[in-house]
C-alpha atoms as a PDB file:
ATOM      1  CA  MET A   1      20.670  -1.420 -22.768  1.00  0.00           C
ATOM      2  CA  GLY A   2      20.921  -0.412 -19.956  1.00  0.00           C
ATOM      3  CA  LYS A   3      21.663   1.864 -18.524  1.00  0.00           C
ATOM      4  CA  LYS A   4      22.010   5.165 -20.280  1.00  0.00           C
ATOM      5  CA  TYR A   5      24.105   6.734 -21.986  1.00  0.00           C
ATOM      6  CA  LEU A   6      26.877   4.911 -20.657  1.00  0.00           C
ATOM      7  CA  LYS A   7      30.083   5.574 -22.925  1.00  0.00           C
ATOM      8  CA  PHE A   8      29.260   2.806 -25.616  1.00  0.00           C
ATOM      9  CA  SER A   9      32.142   2.454 -27.932  1.00  0.00           C
ATOM     10  CA  PHE A  10      31.733  -0.759 -29.791  1.00  0.00           C
ATOM     11  CA  LEU A  11      34.930  -1.756 -29.798  1.00  0.00           C
ATOM     12  CA  LYS A  12      35.900  -5.127 -31.565  1.00  0.00           C
ATOM     13  CA  ALA A  13      34.743  -8.578 -28.642  1.00  0.00           C
ATOM     14  CA  GLN A  14      38.064  -9.227 -27.867  1.00  0.00           C
ATOM     15  CA  LEU A  15      36.347 -12.944 -26.580  1.00  0.00           C
ATOM     16  CA  LEU A  16      38.964 -14.596 -24.029  1.00  0.00           C
ATOM     17  CA  LEU A  17      40.109 -17.442 -25.857  1.00  0.00           C
ATOM     18  CA  GLY A  18      40.499 -19.881 -22.879  1.00  0.00           C
ATOM     19  CA  PHE A  19      37.292 -21.068 -21.228  1.00  0.00           C
ATOM     20  CA  PHE A  20      36.708 -23.034 -17.593  1.00  0.00           C
ATOM     21  CA  PHE A  21      33.793 -25.350 -16.153  1.00  0.00           C
ATOM     22  CA  TYR A  22      33.503 -26.776 -12.687  1.00  0.00           C
ATOM     23  CA  LEU A  23      31.146 -29.580 -11.743  1.00  0.00           C
ATOM     24  CA  SER A  24      28.146 -29.373  -8.728  1.00  0.00           C
ATOM     25  CA  CYS A  25      28.631 -32.165  -6.046  1.00  0.00           C
ATOM     26  CA  SER A  26      24.774 -32.108  -5.942  1.00  0.00           C
ATOM     27  CA  ASN A  27      24.099 -32.541  -9.613  1.00  0.00           C
ATOM     28  CA  SER A  28      25.720 -33.224 -13.234  1.00  0.00           C
ATOM     29  CA  PHE A  29      25.873 -29.702 -14.821  1.00  0.00           C
ATOM     30  CA  VAL A  30      28.930 -29.079 -15.740  1.00  0.00           C
ATOM     31  CA  GLU A  31      29.221 -24.913 -16.334  1.00  0.00           C
ATOM     32  CA  TYR A  32      30.786 -23.065 -19.135  1.00  0.00           C
ATOM     33  CA  SER A  33      31.569 -19.754 -19.071  1.00  0.00           C
ATOM     34  CA  ILE A  34      32.569 -17.307 -22.052  1.00  0.00           C
ATOM     35  CA  SER A  35      33.950 -13.720 -21.078  1.00  0.00           C
ATOM     36  CA  GLY A  36      35.093 -10.504 -22.797  1.00  0.00           C
ATOM     37  CA  PHE A  37      34.315  -7.258 -24.253  1.00  0.00           C
ATOM     38  CA  THR A  38      32.200  -5.771 -25.962  1.00  0.00           C
ATOM     39  CA  MET A  39      30.322  -2.163 -27.179  1.00  0.00           C
ATOM     40  CA  GLY A  40      32.548  -0.639 -25.027  1.00  0.00           C
ATOM     41  CA  THR A  41      31.722  -2.950 -21.720  1.00  0.00           C
ATOM     42  CA  SER A  42      31.968  -6.479 -20.791  1.00  0.00           C
ATOM     43  CA  PHE A  43      29.869  -9.137 -21.413  1.00  0.00           C
ATOM     44  CA  ASN A  44      29.047 -12.319 -19.612  1.00  0.00           C
ATOM     45  CA  ILE A  45      27.564 -16.208 -21.258  1.00  0.00           C
ATOM     46  CA  LYS A  46      26.910 -19.340 -18.901  1.00  0.00           C
ATOM     47  CA  ILE A  47      26.175 -22.312 -20.699  1.00  0.00           C
ATOM     48  CA  ASN A  48      25.137 -24.886 -18.189  1.00  0.00           C
ATOM     49  CA  GLU A  49      24.858 -28.487 -19.513  1.00  0.00           C
ATOM     50  CA  SER A  50      24.750 -32.113 -18.222  1.00  0.00           C
ATOM     51  CA  ASN A  51      26.990 -33.501 -20.900  1.00  0.00           C
ATOM     52  CA  LYS A  52      30.134 -31.808 -21.974  1.00  0.00           C
ATOM     53  CA  ILE A  53      30.683 -29.330 -25.265  1.00  0.00           C
ATOM     54  CA  ASP A  54      32.733 -30.418 -27.410  1.00  0.00           C
ATOM     55  CA  LYS A  55      33.312 -27.586 -29.588  1.00  0.00           C
ATOM     56  CA  ILE A  56      33.236 -24.718 -27.215  1.00  0.00           C
ATOM     57  CA  ASN A  57      35.855 -23.173 -29.262  1.00  0.00           C
ATOM     58  CA  GLN A  58      33.206 -22.777 -32.018  1.00  0.00           C
ATOM     59  CA  ILE A  59      30.692 -21.476 -29.816  1.00  0.00           C
ATOM     60  CA  GLU A  60      33.437 -18.516 -28.872  1.00  0.00           C
ATOM     61  CA  TYR A  61      33.699 -17.564 -32.260  1.00  0.00           C
ATOM     62  CA  SER A  62      30.279 -17.760 -33.469  1.00  0.00           C
ATOM     63  CA  ILE A  63      29.988 -15.288 -30.789  1.00  0.00           C
ATOM     64  CA  ASP A  64      32.515 -12.599 -31.332  1.00  0.00           C
ATOM     65  CA  SER A  65      30.917 -12.444 -35.417  1.00  0.00           C
ATOM     66  CA  ILE A  66      27.796 -12.115 -33.867  1.00  0.00           C
ATOM     67  CA  LEU A  67      28.694  -8.861 -31.678  1.00  0.00           C
ATOM     68  CA  VAL A  68      31.181  -7.329 -34.120  1.00  0.00           C
ATOM     69  CA  SER A  69      28.243  -7.458 -36.702  1.00  0.00           C
ATOM     70  CA  LEU A  70      25.992  -5.526 -34.125  1.00  0.00           C
ATOM     71  CA  ASN A  71      28.571  -3.254 -33.975  1.00  0.00           C
ATOM     72  CA  GLN A  72      29.380  -2.693 -37.335  1.00  0.00           C
ATOM     73  CA  GLN A  73      25.808  -1.992 -38.087  1.00  0.00           C
ATOM     74  CA  MET A  74      24.341   0.217 -34.926  1.00  0.00           C
ATOM     75  CA  SER A  75      28.156   1.691 -33.209  1.00  0.00           C
ATOM     76  CA  THR A  76      27.927   5.441 -33.130  1.00  0.00           C
ATOM     77  CA  TRP A  77      31.639   5.014 -31.708  1.00  0.00           C
ATOM     78  CA  ILE A  78      33.069   3.741 -35.213  1.00  0.00           C
ATOM     79  CA  LYS A  79      32.918   5.703 -38.565  1.00  0.00           C
ATOM     80  CA  ASP A  80      32.368   3.308 -41.289  1.00  0.00           C
ATOM     81  CA  SER A  81      29.689   1.707 -39.963  1.00  0.00           C
ATOM     82  CA  GLU A  82      25.883   1.755 -41.228  1.00  0.00           C
ATOM     83  CA  ILE A  83      24.421   3.894 -38.198  1.00  0.00           C
ATOM     84  CA  SER A  84      27.748   6.283 -38.227  1.00  0.00           C
ATOM     85  CA  LEU A  85      27.185   6.830 -42.232  1.00  0.00           C
ATOM     86  CA  PHE A  86      24.177   7.487 -41.908  1.00  0.00           C
ATOM     87  CA  ASN A  87      24.430  10.153 -39.509  1.00  0.00           C
ATOM     88  CA  GLN A  88      27.159  11.649 -41.177  1.00  0.00           C
ATOM     89  CA  SER A  89      24.823  11.755 -44.348  1.00  0.00           C
ATOM     90  CA  ARG A  90      22.300  14.965 -45.081  1.00  0.00           C
ATOM     91  CA  SER A  91      20.706  13.168 -47.768  1.00  0.00           C
ATOM     92  CA  LEU A  92      16.724  12.990 -47.661  1.00  0.00           C
ATOM     93  CA  SER A  93      17.361   9.582 -49.824  1.00  0.00           C
ATOM     94  CA  PRO A  94      16.707   6.146 -48.982  1.00  0.00           C
ATOM     95  CA  PHE A  95      19.681   4.739 -46.928  1.00  0.00           C
ATOM     96  CA  LYS A  96      19.849   0.696 -47.011  1.00  0.00           C
ATOM     97  CA  ILE A  97      20.703  -1.035 -43.406  1.00  0.00           C
ATOM     98  CA  SER A  98      21.041  -4.603 -42.365  1.00  0.00           C
ATOM     99  CA  ASP A  99      17.500  -6.457 -41.216  1.00  0.00           C
ATOM    100  CA  GLU A 100      19.054  -6.179 -37.410  1.00  0.00           C
ATOM    101  CA  PHE A 101      19.382  -1.936 -37.296  1.00  0.00           C
ATOM    102  CA  TYR A 102      15.896  -2.828 -38.811  1.00  0.00           C
ATOM    103  CA  GLN A 103      14.536  -4.169 -36.207  1.00  0.00           C
ATOM    104  CA  VAL A 104      16.035  -1.952 -34.080  1.00  0.00           C
ATOM    105  CA  LEU A 105      14.531   0.459 -35.713  1.00  0.00           C
ATOM    106  CA  GLU A 106      10.920  -1.067 -35.898  1.00  0.00           C
ATOM    107  CA  LYS A 107      10.743  -1.484 -32.499  1.00  0.00           C
ATOM    108  CA  GLY A 108      11.630   1.628 -31.091  1.00  0.00           C
ATOM    109  CA  LYS A 109       9.170   2.988 -32.480  1.00  0.00           C
ATOM    110  CA  LEU A 110       6.548   0.611 -31.381  1.00  0.00           C
ATOM    111  CA  ILE A 111       8.126   1.849 -27.675  1.00  0.00           C
ATOM    112  CA  ASN A 112       8.307   4.850 -29.091  1.00  0.00           C
ATOM    113  CA  ASN A 113       4.748   5.400 -28.971  1.00  0.00           C
ATOM    114  CA  GLN A 114       3.961   3.247 -26.026  1.00  0.00           C
ATOM    115  CA  THR A 115       6.259   5.357 -23.287  1.00  0.00           C
ATOM    116  CA  SER A 116       4.463   8.899 -24.769  1.00  0.00           C
ATOM    117  CA  GLY A 117       7.942   9.568 -26.627  1.00  0.00           C
ATOM    118  CA  ALA A 118       9.775   8.961 -23.837  1.00  0.00           C
ATOM    119  CA  PHE A 119      11.897   6.607 -25.288  1.00  0.00           C
ATOM    120  CA  ASP A 120      13.300   8.171 -28.532  1.00  0.00           C
ATOM    121  CA  TYR A 121      16.330   6.925 -30.766  1.00  0.00           C
ATOM    122  CA  THR A 122      16.605  10.502 -32.164  1.00  0.00           C
ATOM    123  CA  VAL A 123      18.192  12.303 -28.945  1.00  0.00           C
ATOM    124  CA  PHE A 124      21.867  11.752 -30.385  1.00  0.00           C
ATOM    125  CA  PRO A 125      21.930  15.546 -30.979  1.00  0.00           C
ATOM    126  CA  LEU A 126      20.383  16.422 -27.780  1.00  0.00           C
ATOM    127  CA  ALA A 127      22.784  14.489 -25.893  1.00  0.00           C
ATOM    128  CA  ARG A 128      25.715  15.819 -27.512  1.00  0.00           C
ATOM    129  CA  ILE A 129      25.071  19.775 -26.381  1.00  0.00           C
ATOM    130  CA  TRP A 130      24.285  18.428 -22.740  1.00  0.00           C
ATOM    131  CA  GLY A 131      28.079  16.845 -22.848  1.00  0.00           C
ATOM    132  CA  PHE A 132      26.816  12.980 -23.249  1.00  0.00           C
ATOM    133  CA  GLY A 133      28.054  10.702 -26.517  1.00  0.00           C
ATOM    134  CA  PRO A 134      30.853   9.666 -28.549  1.00  0.00           C
ATOM    135  CA  LYS A 135      31.030  14.442 -29.594  1.00  0.00           C
ATOM    136  CA  GLY A 136      30.034  15.290 -25.998  1.00  0.00           C
ATOM    137  CA  LYS A 137      31.450  18.564 -26.085  1.00  0.00           C
ATOM    138  CA  ASN A 138      31.702  17.553 -22.140  1.00  0.00           C
ATOM    139  CA  SER A 139      30.522  21.566 -21.643  1.00  0.00           C
ATOM    140  CA  SER A 140      31.596  23.464 -18.677  1.00  0.00           C
ATOM    141  CA  LYS A 141      27.353  25.237 -19.077  1.00  0.00           C
ATOM    142  CA  ILE A 142      23.899  24.466 -19.487  1.00  0.00           C
ATOM    143  CA  PRO A 143      22.959  24.621 -22.834  1.00  0.00           C
ATOM    144  CA  ASP A 144      20.099  27.668 -23.615  1.00  0.00           C
ATOM    145  CA  ALA A 145      16.847  27.451 -24.317  1.00  0.00           C
ATOM    146  CA  ASN A 146      17.223  28.729 -27.770  1.00  0.00           C
ATOM    147  CA  GLU A 147      20.041  26.296 -28.170  1.00  0.00           C
ATOM    148  CA  ILE A 148      17.481  23.064 -27.332  1.00  0.00           C
ATOM    149  CA  LYS A 149      14.516  25.115 -29.051  1.00  0.00           C
ATOM    150  CA  LYS A 150      17.028  24.872 -32.707  1.00  0.00           C
ATOM    151  CA  VAL A 151      17.897  21.321 -32.055  1.00  0.00           C
ATOM    152  CA  LEU A 152      13.884  20.166 -30.660  1.00  0.00           C
ATOM    153  CA  GLU A 153      13.140  21.115 -34.759  1.00  0.00           C
ATOM    154  CA  TYR A 154      15.149  17.344 -35.415  1.00  0.00           C
ATOM    155  CA  ILE A 155      13.855  15.336 -32.915  1.00  0.00           C
ATOM    156  CA  GLY A 156      11.717  12.114 -32.785  1.00  0.00           C
ATOM    157  CA  THR A 157      11.281   9.373 -34.600  1.00  0.00           C
ATOM    158  CA  ASP A 158       8.473  10.549 -36.685  1.00  0.00           C
ATOM    159  CA  LYS A 159      11.873  12.894 -38.088  1.00  0.00           C
ATOM    160  CA  ILE A 160      12.406   8.972 -39.807  1.00  0.00           C
ATOM    161  CA  ASP A 161      10.364   6.758 -42.333  1.00  0.00           C
ATOM    162  CA  LEU A 162      11.337   3.451 -41.624  1.00  0.00           C
ATOM    163  CA  ASP A 163      10.231   1.639 -45.432  1.00  0.00           C
ATOM    164  CA  TYR A 164      12.257  -2.136 -45.423  1.00  0.00           C
ATOM    165  CA  PRO A 165      15.408  -2.348 -45.760  1.00  0.00           C
ATOM    166  CA  TYR A 166      15.609   1.616 -46.297  1.00  0.00           C
ATOM    167  CA  VAL A 167      15.603   4.426 -43.609  1.00  0.00           C
ATOM    168  CA  LYS A 168      15.290   7.834 -44.764  1.00  0.00           C
ATOM    169  CA  LYS A 169      15.763  11.111 -42.801  1.00  0.00           C
ATOM    170  CA  LYS A 170      12.916  13.820 -43.332  1.00  0.00           C
ATOM    171  CA  HIS A 171      15.193  16.598 -42.018  1.00  0.00           C
ATOM    172  CA  PRO A 172      18.541  16.286 -42.814  1.00  0.00           C
ATOM    173  CA  LYS A 173      20.798  16.617 -39.260  1.00  0.00           C
ATOM    174  CA  VAL A 174      18.746  13.952 -38.261  1.00  0.00           C
ATOM    175  CA  GLN A 175      20.723  11.414 -36.072  1.00  0.00           C
ATOM    176  CA  ILE A 176      20.479   8.314 -34.670  1.00  0.00           C
ATOM    177  CA  ASP A 177      21.947   6.394 -30.967  1.00  0.00           C
ATOM    178  CA  LEU A 178      20.942   3.641 -30.043  1.00  0.00           C
ATOM    179  CA  ASN A 179      22.474   3.207 -26.727  1.00  0.00           C
ATOM    180  CA  ALA A 180      19.829   2.167 -24.819  1.00  0.00           C
ATOM    181  CA  ILE A 181      18.339  -0.559 -27.655  1.00  0.00           C
ATOM    182  CA  ALA A 182      21.144  -2.162 -29.209  1.00  0.00           C
ATOM    183  CA  LYS A 183      23.611  -3.910 -25.982  1.00  0.00           C
ATOM    184  CA  GLY A 184      19.533  -5.461 -25.326  1.00  0.00           C
ATOM    185  CA  TYR A 185      18.751  -6.203 -28.464  1.00  0.00           C
ATOM    186  CA  ALA A 186      22.659  -8.130 -28.457  1.00  0.00           C
ATOM    187  CA  VAL A 187      21.770  -9.533 -25.329  1.00  0.00           C
ATOM    188  CA  ASP A 188      18.664 -11.433 -27.527  1.00  0.00           C
ATOM    189  CA  ILE A 189      20.727 -12.284 -30.328  1.00  0.00           C
ATOM    190  CA  ILE A 190      22.813 -14.274 -28.715  1.00  0.00           C
ATOM    191  CA  HIS A 191      20.211 -15.800 -25.999  1.00  0.00           C
ATOM    192  CA  ASP A 192      18.386 -16.174 -29.171  1.00  0.00           C
ATOM    193  CA  TRP A 193      21.152 -18.187 -30.914  1.00  0.00           C
ATOM    194  CA  LEU A 194      21.790 -20.652 -28.368  1.00  0.00           C
ATOM    195  CA  MET A 195      18.777 -21.780 -28.332  1.00  0.00           C
ATOM    196  CA  HIS A 196      18.307 -22.970 -31.153  1.00  0.00           C
ATOM    197  CA  LYS A 197      21.703 -24.494 -30.657  1.00  0.00           C
ATOM    198  CA  ASN A 198      19.376 -26.779 -27.723  1.00  0.00           C
ATOM    199  CA  TYR A 199      21.358 -25.092 -25.642  1.00  0.00           C
ATOM    200  CA  LYS A 200      18.549 -24.932 -22.520  1.00  0.00           C
ATOM    201  CA  ASN A 201      19.944 -23.358 -19.463  1.00  0.00           C
ATOM    202  CA  ILE A 202      21.705 -20.484 -20.378  1.00  0.00           C
ATOM    203  CA  TYR A 203      22.796 -16.587 -18.926  1.00  0.00           C
ATOM    204  CA  VAL A 204      23.784 -14.449 -21.342  1.00  0.00           C
ATOM    205  CA  GLU A 205      24.805 -10.538 -20.139  1.00  0.00           C
ATOM    206  CA  ILE A 206      25.906  -7.329 -21.556  1.00  0.00           C
ATOM    207  CA  GLY A 207      26.625  -4.390 -19.779  1.00  0.00           C
ATOM    208  CA  GLY A 208      24.440  -5.530 -17.463  1.00  0.00           C
ATOM    209  CA  GLU A 209      21.469  -6.120 -19.408  1.00  0.00           C
ATOM    210  CA  LEU A 210      20.523 -10.172 -19.491  1.00  0.00           C
ATOM    211  CA  ARG A 211      18.122 -12.783 -20.439  1.00  0.00           C
ATOM    212  CA  CYS A 212      18.750 -16.216 -18.723  1.00  0.00           C
ATOM    213  CA  SER A 213      16.627 -19.230 -19.404  1.00  0.00           C
ATOM    214  CA  GLY A 214      16.376 -22.330 -17.779  1.00  0.00           C
ATOM    215  CA  VAL A 215      18.540 -23.099 -14.067  1.00  0.00           C
ATOM    216  CA  ASN A 216      21.815 -22.445 -13.050  1.00  0.00           C
ATOM    217  CA  LYS A 217      24.847 -24.661 -11.987  1.00  0.00           C
ATOM    218  CA  THR A 218      23.123 -26.154  -9.166  1.00  0.00           C
ATOM    219  CA  GLY A 219      19.735 -26.380 -10.936  1.00  0.00           C
ATOM    220  CA  ALA A 220      17.751 -23.893  -8.873  1.00  0.00           C
ATOM    221  CA  THR A 221      16.024 -20.557 -11.074  1.00  0.00           C
ATOM    222  CA  TRP A 222      18.934 -17.718 -11.758  1.00  0.00           C
ATOM    223  CA  ILE A 223      18.793 -14.758  -8.834  1.00  0.00           C
ATOM    224  CA  ILE A 224      20.073 -11.818  -9.885  1.00  0.00           C
ATOM    225  CA  GLY A 225      21.001  -8.608  -7.607  1.00  0.00           C
ATOM    226  CA  ILE A 226      19.771  -4.715  -8.281  1.00  0.00           C
ATOM    227  CA  ASP A 227      22.912  -2.939  -7.303  1.00  0.00           C
ATOM    228  CA  THR A 228      22.183   0.078  -4.784  1.00  0.00           C
ATOM    229  CA  PRO A 229      22.467   3.359  -6.622  1.00  0.00           C
ATOM    230  CA  ILE A 230      24.994   5.446  -4.785  1.00  0.00           C
ATOM    231  CA  ASN A 231      26.528   7.769  -6.378  1.00  0.00           C
ATOM    232  CA  ASN A 232      29.254   6.014  -8.556  1.00  0.00           C
ATOM    233  CA  LEU A 233      29.190   3.196  -6.854  1.00  0.00           C
ATOM    234  CA  VAL A 234      31.187  -0.016  -8.118  1.00  0.00           C
ATOM    235  CA  SER A 235      28.773  -2.540 -10.066  1.00  0.00           C
ATOM    236  CA  SER A 236      27.801  -4.951  -7.612  1.00  0.00           C
ATOM    237  CA  LYS A 237      29.803  -3.813  -4.665  1.00  0.00           C
ATOM    238  CA  LYS A 238      26.540  -3.891  -2.843  1.00  0.00           C
ATOM    239  CA  ILE A 239      23.489  -4.944  -3.007  1.00  0.00           C
ATOM    240  CA  PHE A 240      20.200  -3.390  -3.277  1.00  0.00           C
ATOM    241  CA  SER A 241      17.419  -6.376  -3.925  1.00  0.00           C
ATOM    242  CA  LYS A 242      17.877  -9.302  -5.551  1.00  0.00           C
ATOM    243  CA  THR A 243      14.718 -11.277  -8.727  1.00  0.00           C
ATOM    244  CA  GLU A 244      14.096 -14.646  -9.731  1.00  0.00           C
ATOM    245  CA  LEU A 245      14.988 -14.396 -13.324  1.00  0.00           C
ATOM    246  CA  SER A 246      13.347 -17.759 -15.054  1.00  0.00           C
ATOM    247  CA  ASN A 247      13.115 -17.847 -19.303  1.00  0.00           C
ATOM    248  CA  MET A 248      12.732 -13.503 -18.663  1.00  0.00           C
ATOM    249  CA  ALA A 249      15.293 -10.460 -19.436  1.00  0.00           C
ATOM    250  CA  LEU A 250      16.518  -7.596 -17.014  1.00  0.00           C
ATOM    251  CA  ALA A 251      17.425  -4.211 -17.640  1.00  0.00           C
ATOM    252  CA  THR A 252      18.478  -1.435 -15.045  1.00  0.00           C
ATOM    253  CA  SER A 253      18.936   2.348 -16.396  1.00  0.00           C
ATOM    254  CA  GLY A 254      19.878   4.457 -13.370  1.00  0.00           C
ATOM    255  CA  ASN A 255      21.832   8.292 -13.176  1.00  0.00           C
ATOM    256  CA  TYR A 256      23.773   7.568 -10.397  1.00  0.00           C
ATOM    257  CA  ARG A 257      27.195   6.981 -12.363  1.00  0.00           C
ATOM    258  CA  ASN A 258      26.675   9.072 -15.735  1.00  0.00           C
ATOM    259  CA  PHE A 259      26.500  12.479 -14.663  1.00  0.00           C
ATOM    260  CA  PHE A 260      28.279  15.257 -14.042  1.00  0.00           C
ATOM    261  CA  GLU A 261      27.964  18.512 -11.877  1.00  0.00           C
ATOM    262  CA  ILE A 262      27.854  22.296 -12.762  1.00  0.00           C
ATOM    263  CA  ASP A 263      27.377  24.607 -10.310  1.00  0.00           C
ATOM    264  CA  GLY A 264      26.640  22.297  -7.785  1.00  0.00           C
ATOM    265  CA  LYS A 265      23.866  20.861 -10.273  1.00  0.00           C
ATOM    266  CA  LYS A 266      23.664  17.208 -11.131  1.00  0.00           C
ATOM    267  CA  ILE A 267      23.399  17.119 -15.078  1.00  0.00           C
ATOM    268  CA  THR A 268      21.974  13.370 -15.873  1.00  0.00           C
ATOM    269  CA  HIS A 269      22.717  11.619 -18.994  1.00  0.00           C
ATOM    270  CA  SER A 270      19.046  11.574 -19.027  1.00  0.00           C
ATOM    271  CA  ILE A 271      17.958  13.766 -21.905  1.00  0.00           C
ATOM    272  CA  ASP A 272      14.159  14.271 -22.559  1.00  0.00           C
ATOM    273  CA  PRO A 273      13.581  13.472 -26.179  1.00  0.00           C
ATOM    274  CA  ARG A 274      10.558  16.097 -26.014  1.00  0.00           C
ATOM    275  CA  ASN A 275      11.770  19.110 -23.920  1.00  0.00           C
ATOM    276  CA  GLY A 276      15.225  18.218 -24.657  1.00  0.00           C
ATOM    277  CA  ILE A 277      16.111  19.076 -20.901  1.00  0.00           C
ATOM    278  CA  SER A 278      18.386  16.987 -18.532  1.00  0.00           C
ATOM    279  CA  VAL A 279      15.736  14.797 -16.193  1.00  0.00           C
ATOM    280  CA  GLU A 280      15.833  15.682 -12.495  1.00  0.00           C
ATOM    281  CA  SER A 281      13.912  13.130 -10.295  1.00  0.00           C
ATOM    282  CA  ASN A 282      13.488  11.491  -7.016  1.00  0.00           C
ATOM    283  CA  THR A 283      14.140   8.162  -9.717  1.00  0.00           C
ATOM    284  CA  LEU A 284      17.478   7.261  -8.891  1.00  0.00           C
ATOM    285  CA  SER A 285      17.290   3.803 -10.857  1.00  0.00           C
ATOM    286  CA  VAL A 286      14.673   1.446 -12.872  1.00  0.00           C
ATOM    287  CA  SER A 287      14.385  -2.157 -13.321  1.00  0.00           C
ATOM    288  CA  VAL A 288      12.587  -3.778 -15.979  1.00  0.00           C
ATOM    289  CA  LYS A 289      11.625  -7.265 -16.322  1.00  0.00           C
ATOM    290  CA  ALA A 290      10.400  -8.476 -19.861  1.00  0.00           C
ATOM    291  CA  ARG A 291      10.987 -11.768 -22.241  1.00  0.00           C
ATOM    292  CA  SER A 292      12.472  -9.262 -24.810  1.00  0.00           C
ATOM    293  CA  CYS A 293      16.217  -8.027 -23.336  1.00  0.00           C
ATOM    294  CA  LEU A 294      15.968  -5.177 -26.310  1.00  0.00           C
ATOM    295  CA  VAL A 295      12.017  -4.029 -24.965  1.00  0.00           C
ATOM    296  CA  ALA A 296      13.319  -4.449 -21.207  1.00  0.00           C
ATOM    297  CA  ASP A 297      16.561  -2.017 -22.209  1.00  0.00           C
ATOM    298  CA  ALA A 298      14.923   0.569 -23.675  1.00  0.00           C
ATOM    299  CA  TRP A 299      11.482   0.482 -20.995  1.00  0.00           C
ATOM    300  CA  ALA A 300      14.104   1.279 -18.562  1.00  0.00           C
ATOM    301  CA  THR A 301      15.169   3.698 -20.481  1.00  0.00           C
ATOM    302  CA  ALA A 302      11.894   5.639 -20.892  1.00  0.00           C
ATOM    303  CA  LEU A 303      10.883   5.053 -17.145  1.00  0.00           C
ATOM    304  CA  MET A 304      13.801   7.084 -16.217  1.00  0.00           C
ATOM    305  CA  ILE A 305      12.441  10.098 -18.248  1.00  0.00           C
ATOM    306  CA  LEU A 306       8.854  10.065 -16.961  1.00  0.00           C
ATOM    307  CA  PRO A 307       7.522  10.837 -13.709  1.00  0.00           C
ATOM    308  CA  PHE A 308       7.032   7.724 -11.542  1.00  0.00           C
ATOM    309  CA  ASP A 309       3.048   7.849 -11.497  1.00  0.00           C
ATOM    310  CA  ASP A 310       2.757   8.291 -15.973  1.00  0.00           C
ATOM    311  CA  GLY A 311       5.035   5.454 -16.245  1.00  0.00           C
ATOM    312  CA  PHE A 312       2.951   3.258 -13.898  1.00  0.00           C
ATOM    313  CA  ARG A 313       0.498   3.868 -16.166  1.00  0.00           C
ATOM    314  CA  ALA A 314       2.168   3.557 -19.437  1.00  0.00           C
ATOM    315  CA  VAL A 315       3.587   0.001 -18.080  1.00  0.00           C
ATOM    316  CA  THR A 316      -0.121  -1.146 -16.758  1.00  0.00           C
ATOM    317  CA  GLU A 317      -1.204  -0.419 -20.207  1.00  0.00           C
ATOM    318  CA  ALA A 318       1.769  -2.109 -21.893  1.00  0.00           C
ATOM    319  CA  GLY A 319       1.812  -5.305 -19.917  1.00  0.00           C
ATOM    320  CA  GLY A 320       3.929  -7.563 -20.141  1.00  0.00           C
ATOM    321  CA  LEU A 321       6.777  -5.598 -18.024  1.00  0.00           C
ATOM    322  CA  GLU A 322       7.510  -6.078 -14.616  1.00  0.00           C
ATOM    323  CA  VAL A 323       9.335  -2.816 -13.051  1.00  0.00           C
ATOM    324  CA  LEU A 324      11.214  -2.337  -9.798  1.00  0.00           C
ATOM    325  CA  TRP A 325      11.493   1.666  -9.144  1.00  0.00           C
ATOM    326  CA  ILE A 326      14.548   2.657  -6.394  1.00  0.00           C
ATOM    327  CA  LEU A 327      13.390   6.696  -5.197  1.00  0.00           C
ATOM    328  CA  SER A 328      15.300   9.132  -2.742  1.00  0.00           C
ATOM    329  CA  GLU A 329      13.746   9.963   0.227  1.00  0.00           C
ATOM    330  CA  GLY A 330      14.840  12.644   1.777  1.00  0.00           C
ATOM    331  CA  LYS A 331      19.150  13.235   1.879  1.00  0.00           C
ATOM    332  CA  GLU A 332      20.156   9.942   2.092  1.00  0.00           C
ATOM    333  CA  GLY A 333      17.170   7.308   2.214  1.00  0.00           C
ATOM    334  CA  LEU A 334      15.847   5.199  -0.412  1.00  0.00           C
ATOM    335  CA  SER A 335      12.742   3.207  -0.742  1.00  0.00           C
ATOM    336  CA  ARG A 336      11.512   1.529  -3.731  1.00  0.00           C
ATOM    337  CA  PHE A 337       8.074   0.528  -5.195  1.00  0.00           C
ATOM    338  CA  SER A 338       7.348  -2.614  -7.511  1.00  0.00           C
ATOM    339  CA  THR A 339       4.384  -4.221  -9.974  1.00  0.00           C
ATOM    340  CA  LYS A 340       3.476  -7.568  -8.482  1.00  0.00           C
ATOM    341  CA  ASP A 341       5.293  -9.508  -9.871  1.00  0.00           C
ATOM    342  CA  PHE A 342       8.564  -8.518 -10.281  1.00  0.00           C
ATOM    343  CA  TYR A 343      10.067 -10.744  -7.513  1.00  0.00           C
ATOM    344  CA  SER A 344       7.813 -13.551  -8.364  1.00  0.00           C
ATOM    345  CA  ARG A 345       8.930 -15.609 -11.597  1.00  0.00           C
END
């Protein structure tokens, strides 16, 4: 979730039919890797086992099914998905949704409260007028104050009522976008499914959002690299920092890849849902560690919106989060600030 208006075109998960494994000389772990494409991005799953997995094809098939189901519920890029049908409707009547969709909306409301509204999944119409998302108009001009004011009338999670298994609009133009939370949720679902199948040493990553448990193929704690936030830099080409990840999730959001310029002014995909304005700040990226990837994903988005001091205060009050901020210093310098346990296990 990363992450956060990366083009989130949920494509049908296309798993690579082959898999490969190799045995470390120093231990008895066999590492199986399953990779493919989903949610408009790539995914990579690693399973380290002492014994050979005989039914790896069944695992691949099950993961494919999970991703396809989640896409059909929460993809704004699929015209007949649950979320698309809800967004297209102007009805104020209750709309029945799947359990996973409901859980994401419910958890998103909680994070909205914890972040003073900085995380908000009703931001879809705002993103569109700024030129982002599946219906973004790639505007060559900044939306004027009147246009933003009109859209703000139906922005806010308070414009949504949840009454399981139904969701209901309080304004006919309310629309939902789960770009900043659904990938993290998908990571959690696959991670927990593998754990339920008694696989303990696992790595699950979708579009840069990830969650790890157990150890890697050498028997050591998973080490994760965090990209240097340089404009349009291809992922993983230059590592800014590394952190250990033991039974934790990690999500990173940044303004250095998804942006455009108008008259020399940088317009980022980080739109503040409270005032409708594209955020300008010296925060280049934020990485969040949490027990849940959904939580890490949503908080990474919110912390790109909140000023640093407000964000640090919100993280402290929420608890259970470790964060790394990468800030710009001068024209080309970078600095970092992290909570005390971000680099620990």
